């Protein structure tokens, strides 16, 4: 199959941007009988998710590249209308800059190396940078030569909320510090902003309303003009046992909360990752053994299924060959010798599944293949673009 490419662990999937006739997963498995995990990309699904988000969100949609940096994914997002990209490192910036020359790149890591700030500004034309301390503001100003065309975004801290993955502990300035940072940054930038993040996979639209109210209080207390409000990421997708409200419910709460701020001209940004990429990738794995309700498979928490480990995410799964047997819950062990390589699930599959069978596991476009490691010598595999419908 010419559309398949071998890859080493943790390297980007280098795939053609278009194929004349995308294959079906069942046909690929029948022809290739893959012995290593097979990553299946659905560019059309990624483009559709992007188009829906861009059409619904009342501002600039900034894809969080860390979620899935594969070039095919980035190109599909571009085709879906995404023009802004949230990058956290120089390699991410260079990837987007080289692949999508017209992209607007934003350096949204609150703690950046000095050389990264300088190179992002001077080489890649990055102007928007986030900060949450006075020290970071000083670094940005020094390494850009006190440039006057900067966009400086102050990230505020939020208390732990209802999100599946809490992000409140590592970054963000608490309100009093954020007020001081806004005042300190205002004389040095062409545009000033406030950002926050409610946490990953947040199913509660009201979390954004509460965060926007907090941001509004900080902006008013600062007494300076703010041009940008970045409402972050965290927008959820469906998994077994998790059915979020429609995206429109989140957008409606955001719009209503921003209207209540009564700050004309405030530009909105969002940083979705999971909501754009999750449904666009699945992985085909092979069962290498069975012990009762436990399947030993050739991918795991050190590979594409890290979120099925301690975070406890459940994924949709199917037996590729099909079966009329009744379904039952299974848990998975990955291929490494580490006993932490366990995914409790439960994953619902036909009761006659066994050694040698192939499974397709869906909703892995977010934090799936990009977190794959080579631990214990595992992690190799191939990737292909497919035309199959998503599992959810």
Protein backbone atom coordinates (compact mmCIF):
# COMPACT_ATOMS: atom_id res chain seq x y z
CA UNK A 1 0.00 0.00 0.00
CA UNK A 2 1.73 3.20 -1.17
CA UNK A 3 -0.19 5.36 1.29
CA UNK A 4 1.39 3.58 4.27
CA UNK A 5 4.52 4.92 5.89
CA UNK A 6 6.64 3.24 8.53
CA UNK A 7 7.51 5.47 11.45
CA UNK A 8 9.62 5.39 14.57
CA UNK A 9 8.17 6.08 17.99
CA UNK A 10 7.35 9.69 18.80
CA UNK A 11 7.99 10.93 15.25
CA UNK A 12 5.34 12.74 13.17
CA UNK A 13 3.32 10.71 10.72
CA UNK A 14 4.46 11.87 7.27
CA UNK A 15 1.56 11.18 4.94
CA UNK A 16 0.34 12.42 1.58
CA UNK A 17 -2.14 15.27 1.77
CA UNK A 18 -4.57 13.52 -0.58
CA UNK A 19 -5.15 10.04 -1.91
CA UNK A 20 -7.15 9.00 -4.99
CA UNK A 21 -9.24 6.38 -3.19
CA UNK A 22 -8.97 6.07 0.56
CA UNK A 23 -9.17 2.47 1.80
CA UNK A 24 -11.49 0.91 4.36
CA UNK A 25 -9.99 -0.34 7.61
CA UNK A 26 -11.40 -3.87 7.25
CA UNK A 27 -9.84 -4.19 3.78
CA UNK A 28 -6.48 -2.96 5.07
CA UNK A 29 -6.49 -5.46 7.92
CA UNK A 30 -7.41 -8.30 5.57
CA UNK A 31 -4.62 -7.37 3.17
CA UNK A 32 -1.88 -6.37 5.60
CA UNK A 33 -2.63 -8.44 8.71
CA UNK A 34 -0.73 -5.80 10.72
CA UNK A 35 1.37 -7.04 13.61
CA UNK A 36 2.01 -3.53 14.96
CA UNK A 37 -0.55 -0.84 15.79
CA UNK A 38 -2.04 0.79 12.70
CA UNK A 39 -2.98 4.48 13.07
CA UNK A 40 -5.98 5.41 10.94
CA UNK A 41 -6.48 9.07 10.07
CA UNK A 42 -9.74 10.58 8.82
CA UNK A 43 -8.87 14.00 7.34
CA UNK A 44 -12.45 14.63 6.21
CA UNK A 45 -13.72 14.17 9.78
CA UNK A 46 -11.06 16.52 11.15
CA UNK A 47 -11.95 19.13 8.53
CA UNK A 48 -15.64 18.81 9.38
CA UNK A 49 -14.98 19.28 13.10
CA UNK A 50 -12.87 22.33 12.35
CA UNK A 51 -15.47 23.83 10.05
CA UNK A 52 -18.23 23.36 12.63
CA UNK A 53 -16.18 24.98 15.39
CA UNK A 54 -15.06 27.90 13.23
CA UNK A 55 -18.65 28.52 12.13
CA UNK A 56 -20.00 28.46 15.67
CA UNK A 57 -17.38 30.22 17.77
CA UNK A 58 -17.70 34.03 17.85
CA UNK A 59 -14.00 34.78 17.47
CA UNK A 60 -10.66 33.36 16.37
CA UNK A 61 -10.20 29.58 16.63
CA UNK A 62 -6.65 28.71 17.68
CA UNK A 63 -5.84 24.99 17.43
CA UNK A 64 -3.77 23.62 20.34
CA UNK A 65 -0.99 21.90 18.39
CA UNK A 66 0.14 19.77 21.35
CA UNK A 67 -3.09 17.79 21.04
CA UNK A 68 -2.04 16.25 17.73
CA UNK A 69 0.81 17.77 15.68
CA UNK A 70 0.65 15.39 12.72
CA UNK A 71 1.03 17.30 9.43
CA UNK A 72 -2.01 15.58 7.92
CA UNK A 73 -4.08 16.74 10.88
CA UNK A 74 -2.81 20.32 10.61
CA UNK A 75 -3.55 20.41 6.88
CA UNK A 76 -7.05 19.05 7.47
CA UNK A 77 -7.68 21.73 10.09
CA UNK A 78 -6.49 24.38 7.66
CA UNK A 79 -8.87 23.01 5.04
CA UNK A 80 -11.63 23.31 7.65
CA UNK A 81 -10.93 27.01 8.15
CA UNK A 82 -8.55 27.13 11.14
CA UNK A 83 -6.00 29.93 10.67
CA UNK A 84 -4.62 30.37 14.22
CA UNK A 85 -2.38 27.88 16.03
CA UNK A 86 -1.46 27.67 19.72
CA UNK A 87 2.14 26.47 19.97
CA UNK A 88 4.10 25.66 23.12
CA UNK A 89 7.63 25.12 21.77
CA UNK A 90 9.99 26.05 18.96
CA UNK A 91 9.55 22.68 17.20
CA UNK A 92 5.78 23.21 17.12
CA UNK A 93 6.26 26.76 15.84
CA UNK A 94 8.68 25.60 13.14
CA UNK A 95 6.34 22.79 12.10
CA UNK A 96 3.33 25.09 11.64
CA UNK A 97 5.41 27.86 10.06
CA UNK A 98 6.90 25.49 7.50
CA UNK A 99 3.73 23.57 6.72
CA UNK A 100 1.24 26.45 6.74
CA UNK A 101 3.06 29.68 5.81
CA UNK A 102 -0.09 31.79 6.17
CA UNK A 103 -0.87 30.64 9.71
CA UNK A 104 -1.08 32.99 12.69
CA UNK A 105 1.12 31.43 15.36
CA UNK A 106 0.70 32.21 19.05
CA UNK A 107 3.35 31.22 21.65
CA UNK A 108 1.05 30.20 24.49
CA UNK A 109 3.39 28.49 26.95
CA UNK A 110 3.54 30.65 30.10
CA UNK A 111 7.18 29.74 30.87
CA UNK A 112 9.44 29.94 27.82
CA UNK A 113 13.18 29.57 27.33
CA UNK A 114 14.89 32.82 26.44
CA UNK A 115 16.29 31.49 23.17
CA UNK A 116 12.80 30.24 22.21
CA UNK A 117 11.30 33.70 22.74
CA UNK A 118 14.01 35.34 20.64
CA UNK A 119 13.84 32.82 17.79
CA UNK A 120 10.05 32.73 17.72
CA UNK A 121 9.97 36.52 17.38
CA UNK A 122 12.90 37.10 15.04
CA UNK A 123 12.77 34.01 12.81
CA UNK A 124 9.13 32.93 12.75
CA UNK A 125 7.38 36.27 13.16
CA UNK A 126 5.51 35.27 16.32
CA UNK A 127 4.12 38.31 18.11
CA UNK A 128 1.55 36.95 20.60
CA UNK A 129 3.00 35.46 23.79
CA UNK A 130 1.40 34.45 27.07
CA UNK A 131 2.78 35.13 30.55
CA UNK A 132 1.73 34.71 34.17
CA UNK A 133 4.60 36.29 36.13
CA UNK A 134 6.57 39.54 36.12
CA UNK A 135 9.69 37.50 35.42
CA UNK A 136 8.22 36.12 32.21
CA UNK A 137 7.18 39.61 31.11
CA UNK A 138 10.77 40.75 31.61
CA UNK A 139 12.12 37.83 29.57
CA UNK A 140 9.77 38.54 26.68
CA UNK A 141 10.64 42.23 26.59
CA UNK A 142 14.39 41.61 26.83
CA UNK A 143 14.54 38.83 24.23
CA UNK A 144 12.44 40.78 21.69
CA UNK A 145 14.44 43.97 22.17
CA UNK A 146 11.49 45.71 23.81
CA UNK A 147 9.54 45.41 20.57
CA UNK A 148 6.46 47.59 20.22
CA UNK A 149 4.39 45.16 18.16
CA UNK A 150 3.90 42.47 20.78
CA UNK A 151 0.64 40.88 21.83
CA UNK A 152 0.95 40.11 25.55
CA UNK A 153 -1.60 37.75 27.07
CA UNK A 154 -1.85 37.42 30.86
CA UNK A 155 -3.04 33.99 31.92
CA UNK A 156 -5.16 34.02 35.05
CA UNK A 157 -5.47 31.13 37.49
CA UNK A 158 -8.76 29.39 38.15
CA UNK A 159 -9.76 27.15 41.06
CA UNK A 160 -10.18 23.46 40.31
CA UNK A 161 -13.41 22.90 38.42
CA UNK A 162 -15.50 20.11 36.94
CA UNK A 163 -13.16 19.23 34.05
CA UNK A 164 -12.04 15.63 33.60
CA UNK A 165 -8.38 16.77 33.67
CA UNK A 166 -7.74 19.63 36.09
CA UNK A 167 -5.21 22.19 34.83
CA UNK A 168 -5.38 24.66 37.72
CA UNK A 169 -2.14 23.77 39.51
CA UNK A 170 0.65 24.63 37.10
CA UNK A 171 -0.01 27.97 35.39
CA UNK A 172 -1.88 31.20 35.94
CA UNK A 173 -1.70 34.36 38.04
CA UNK A 174 -4.27 34.82 40.79
CA UNK A 175 -6.45 37.92 40.43
CA UNK A 176 -4.37 40.45 42.38
CA UNK A 177 -1.18 39.41 40.60
CA UNK A 178 -2.98 39.38 37.25
CA UNK A 179 -4.13 42.97 37.82
CA UNK A 180 -0.53 44.05 38.42
CA UNK A 181 0.67 42.15 35.35
CA UNK A 182 -1.90 43.82 33.10
CA UNK A 183 -0.83 47.24 34.33
CA UNK A 184 2.85 46.37 33.87
CA UNK A 185 2.37 44.91 30.37
CA UNK A 186 0.08 47.59 28.94
CA UNK A 187 2.81 50.16 28.06
CA UNK A 188 4.86 47.54 26.22
CA UNK A 189 2.43 45.96 23.76
CA UNK A 190 0.32 46.64 20.73
CA UNK A 191 -2.46 44.48 22.18
CA UNK A 192 -3.12 43.17 25.63
CA UNK A 193 -5.14 40.12 26.55
CA UNK A 194 -6.37 37.87 29.32
CA UNK A 195 -6.53 34.08 29.02
CA UNK A 196 -7.64 31.14 31.14
CA UNK A 197 -8.18 27.40 30.86
CA UNK A 198 -11.07 25.63 32.58
CA UNK A 199 -9.43 22.19 32.25
CA UNK A 200 -9.45 19.44 29.64
CA UNK A 201 -12.67 17.62 28.69
CA UNK A 202 -14.96 19.98 30.61
CA UNK A 203 -18.61 18.98 30.20
CA UNK A 204 -20.08 22.02 31.98
CA UNK A 205 -20.74 25.09 29.78
CA UNK A 206 -21.20 27.19 32.92
CA UNK A 207 -17.49 26.76 33.70
CA UNK A 208 -16.73 29.23 30.92
CA UNK A 209 -19.31 31.71 32.20
CA UNK A 210 -17.75 31.67 35.68
CA UNK A 211 -14.23 32.03 34.25
CA UNK A 212 -15.27 34.96 32.03
CA UNK A 213 -16.83 36.68 35.03
CA UNK A 214 -13.51 36.27 36.88
CA UNK A 215 -11.62 37.64 33.88
CA UNK A 216 -13.97 40.62 33.74
CA UNK A 217 -13.32 41.47 37.38
CA UNK A 218 -9.57 41.33 36.79
CA UNK A 219 -9.78 43.55 33.70
CA UNK A 220 -11.91 46.15 35.48
CA UNK A 221 -9.65 46.20 38.52
CA UNK A 222 -6.60 46.78 36.33
CA UNK A 223 -8.06 49.97 34.88
CA UNK A 224 -6.29 49.41 31.54
CA UNK A 225 -7.62 48.65 28.08
CA UNK A 226 -7.67 44.97 27.12
CA UNK A 227 -8.23 43.96 23.50
CA UNK A 228 -8.32 40.14 23.72
CA UNK A 229 -10.09 37.56 25.87
CA UNK A 230 -8.81 34.01 25.29
CA UNK A 231 -11.30 31.49 26.68
CA UNK A 232 -8.84 28.62 26.34
CA UNK A 233 -9.56 25.02 25.47
CA UNK A 234 -11.24 22.18 27.30
CA UNK A 235 -14.17 21.82 24.89
CA UNK A 236 -15.28 18.18 25.19
CA UNK A 237 -16.08 15.33 22.85
CA UNK A 238 -18.11 12.16 23.33
CA UNK A 239 -16.65 8.98 24.81
CA UNK A 240 -18.51 5.92 26.10
CA UNK A 241 -20.16 7.07 29.30
CA UNK A 242 -19.50 10.74 28.53
CA UNK A 243 -22.02 12.58 26.39
CA UNK A 244 -21.35 16.34 26.45
CA UNK A 245 -23.85 19.04 25.59
CA UNK A 246 -23.66 20.26 21.98
CA UNK A 247 -20.95 22.80 21.22
CA UNK A 248 -23.63 25.41 20.71
CA UNK A 249 -24.40 25.31 24.42
CA UNK A 250 -20.81 26.25 25.23
CA UNK A 251 -20.74 29.01 22.63
CA UNK A 252 -24.02 30.42 23.93
CA UNK A 253 -22.70 30.64 27.50
CA UNK A 254 -19.49 32.28 26.28
CA UNK A 255 -21.36 34.85 24.20
CA UNK A 256 -23.80 35.66 27.00
CA UNK A 257 -21.00 36.07 29.55
CA UNK A 258 -18.98 38.30 27.23
CA UNK A 259 -22.04 40.42 26.46
CA UNK A 260 -22.55 40.88 30.19
CA UNK A 261 -19.01 42.27 30.51
CA UNK A 262 -20.07 45.24 28.36
CA UNK A 263 -16.59 45.69 26.89
CA UNK A 264 -17.11 46.73 23.26
CA UNK A 265 -14.41 45.67 20.83
CA UNK A 266 -13.15 42.78 22.98
CA UNK A 267 -11.81 40.11 20.61
CA UNK A 268 -12.42 36.47 21.53
CA UNK A 269 -9.95 33.64 21.06
CA UNK A 270 -10.38 29.93 21.83
CA UNK A 271 -7.79 27.14 21.99
CA UNK A 272 -9.62 23.88 21.16
CA UNK A 273 -7.60 20.72 20.72
CA UNK A 274 -9.60 17.64 21.66
CA UNK A 275 -12.83 19.05 20.17
CA UNK A 276 -11.21 19.34 16.75
CA UNK A 277 -8.96 16.29 16.60
CA UNK A 278 -10.32 13.49 18.79
CA UNK A 279 -12.73 11.86 16.35
CA UNK A 280 -10.29 12.03 13.45
CA UNK A 281 -8.06 9.11 14.45
CA UNK A 282 -8.47 5.51 15.51
CA UNK A 283 -5.91 2.76 16.08
CA UNK A 284 -6.10 -0.87 15.03
CA UNK A 285 -4.46 -3.17 17.58
CA UNK A 286 -4.02 -6.93 17.71
CA UNK A 287 -4.97 -9.17 20.61
CA UNK A 288 -1.95 -11.19 21.70
CA UNK A 289 -3.60 -13.09 24.50
CA UNK A 290 -6.68 -13.36 26.68
CA UNK A 291 -7.14 -14.15 30.34
CA UNK A 292 -10.84 -14.14 31.21
CA UNK A 293 -12.02 -10.57 30.91
CA UNK A 294 -8.56 -9.19 30.19
CA UNK A 295 -7.12 -8.78 26.70
CA UNK A 296 -3.39 -8.39 26.11
CA UNK A 297 -2.98 -6.04 23.13
CA UNK A 298 -0.02 -4.57 21.25
CA UNK A 299 -0.63 -0.95 22.27
CA UNK A 300 -1.03 0.60 25.68
CA UNK A 301 -0.46 3.47 28.08
CA UNK A 302 3.10 3.96 26.85
CA UNK A 303 1.70 4.20 23.33
CA UNK A 304 -1.53 5.61 21.93
CA UNK A 305 -3.70 4.71 24.92
CA UNK A 306 -2.14 6.80 27.69
CA UNK A 307 -5.45 8.46 28.57
CA UNK A 308 -6.97 5.01 29.14
CA UNK A 309 -4.44 4.47 31.93
CA UNK A 310 -4.56 6.60 35.11
CA UNK A 311 -6.91 9.24 33.57
CA UNK A 312 -9.41 6.40 33.08
CA UNK A 313 -10.78 7.38 29.67
CA UNK A 314 -12.98 4.80 27.97
CA UNK A 315 -12.84 4.51 24.20
CA UNK A 316 -15.25 3.00 21.69
CA UNK A 317 -13.91 -0.31 20.40
CA UNK A 318 -15.01 -2.90 17.86
CA UNK A 319 -13.90 -6.34 16.73
CA UNK A 320 -12.75 -5.88 13.14
CA UNK A 321 -13.90 -9.31 11.92
CA UNK A 322 -17.38 -8.82 13.31
CA UNK A 323 -19.25 -11.24 15.55
CA UNK A 324 -22.75 -12.23 16.62
CA UNK A 325 -21.61 -13.05 20.15
CA UNK A 326 -23.01 -11.05 23.04
CA UNK A 327 -20.87 -8.17 24.22
CA UNK A 328 -19.15 -8.13 27.59
CA UNK A 329 -16.80 -5.68 29.32
CA UNK A 330 -13.04 -6.16 28.95
CA UNK A 331 -9.97 -4.45 30.33
CA UNK A 332 -6.67 -4.26 28.45
CA UNK A 333 -3.03 -4.85 29.24
CA UNK A 334 -0.50 -3.21 26.92
CA UNK A 335 2.57 -4.92 25.43
CA UNK A 336 5.23 -3.72 27.89
CA UNK A 337 6.43 -5.59 30.97
CA UNK A 338 5.34 -2.72 33.22
CA UNK A 339 2.33 -3.65 35.35
CA UNK A 340 1.19 0.00 35.12
CA UNK A 341 0.45 -0.68 31.44
CA UNK A 342 -3.19 -1.40 32.21
CA UNK A 343 -6.41 0.12 30.83
CA UNK A 344 -9.37 -0.79 33.01
CA UNK A 345 -12.06 0.48 30.65
CA UNK A 346 -14.48 -1.25 30.56
CA UNK A 347 -14.33 -1.75 26.79
CA UNK A 348 -17.36 -3.53 25.36
CA UNK A 349 -16.54 -6.28 22.85
CA UNK A 350 -18.01 -9.60 21.70
CA UNK A 351 -17.37 -12.41 24.15
CA UNK A 352 -15.66 -14.58 21.51
CA UNK A 353 -12.73 -12.18 20.98
CA UNK A 354 -9.37 -13.86 21.36
CA UNK A 355 -5.71 -14.10 20.42
CA UNK A 356 -4.98 -12.98 16.86
CA UNK A 357 -8.07 -10.78 16.51
CA UNK A 358 -7.81 -7.15 15.51
CA UNK A 359 -9.66 -4.37 17.34
CA UNK A 360 -10.31 -0.84 16.23
CA UNK A 361 -10.20 1.68 19.09
CA UNK A 362 -11.69 5.09 18.31
CA UNK A 363 -11.57 8.73 19.49
CA UNK A 364 -7.75 8.67 19.66
CA UNK A 365 -7.03 11.83 17.66
CA UNK A 366 -6.41 13.79 20.85
CA UNK A 367 -3.30 12.91 22.85
CA UNK A 368 -3.08 9.50 21.19
CA UNK A 369 -0.24 8.78 18.79
CA UNK A 370 1.55 12.01 19.73
CA UNK A 371 2.28 10.58 23.20
CA UNK A 372 3.60 7.26 21.91
CA UNK A 373 6.98 6.25 23.34
CA UNK A 374 9.51 3.53 22.49
CA UNK A 375 9.51 2.13 26.02
CA UNK A 376 10.46 -1.55 26.22
CA UNK A 377 11.15 -1.55 22.48
CA UNK A 378 7.52 -1.07 21.49
CA UNK A 379 6.08 1.91 19.65
CA UNK A 380 6.69 1.28 15.96
CA UNK A 381 3.81 1.16 13.56
CA UNK A 382 2.31 2.54 10.40
CA UNK A 383 -0.33 5.09 9.52
CA UNK A 384 -2.87 5.43 6.78
CA UNK A 385 -5.67 7.72 5.76
CA UNK A 386 -9.04 5.94 5.65
CA UNK A 387 -12.59 6.69 4.61
CA UNK A 388 -14.44 4.83 7.39
CA UNK A 389 -17.02 6.53 9.58
CA UNK A 390 -16.03 7.25 13.15
CA UNK A 391 -16.95 4.83 15.93
CA UNK A 392 -18.94 7.54 17.74
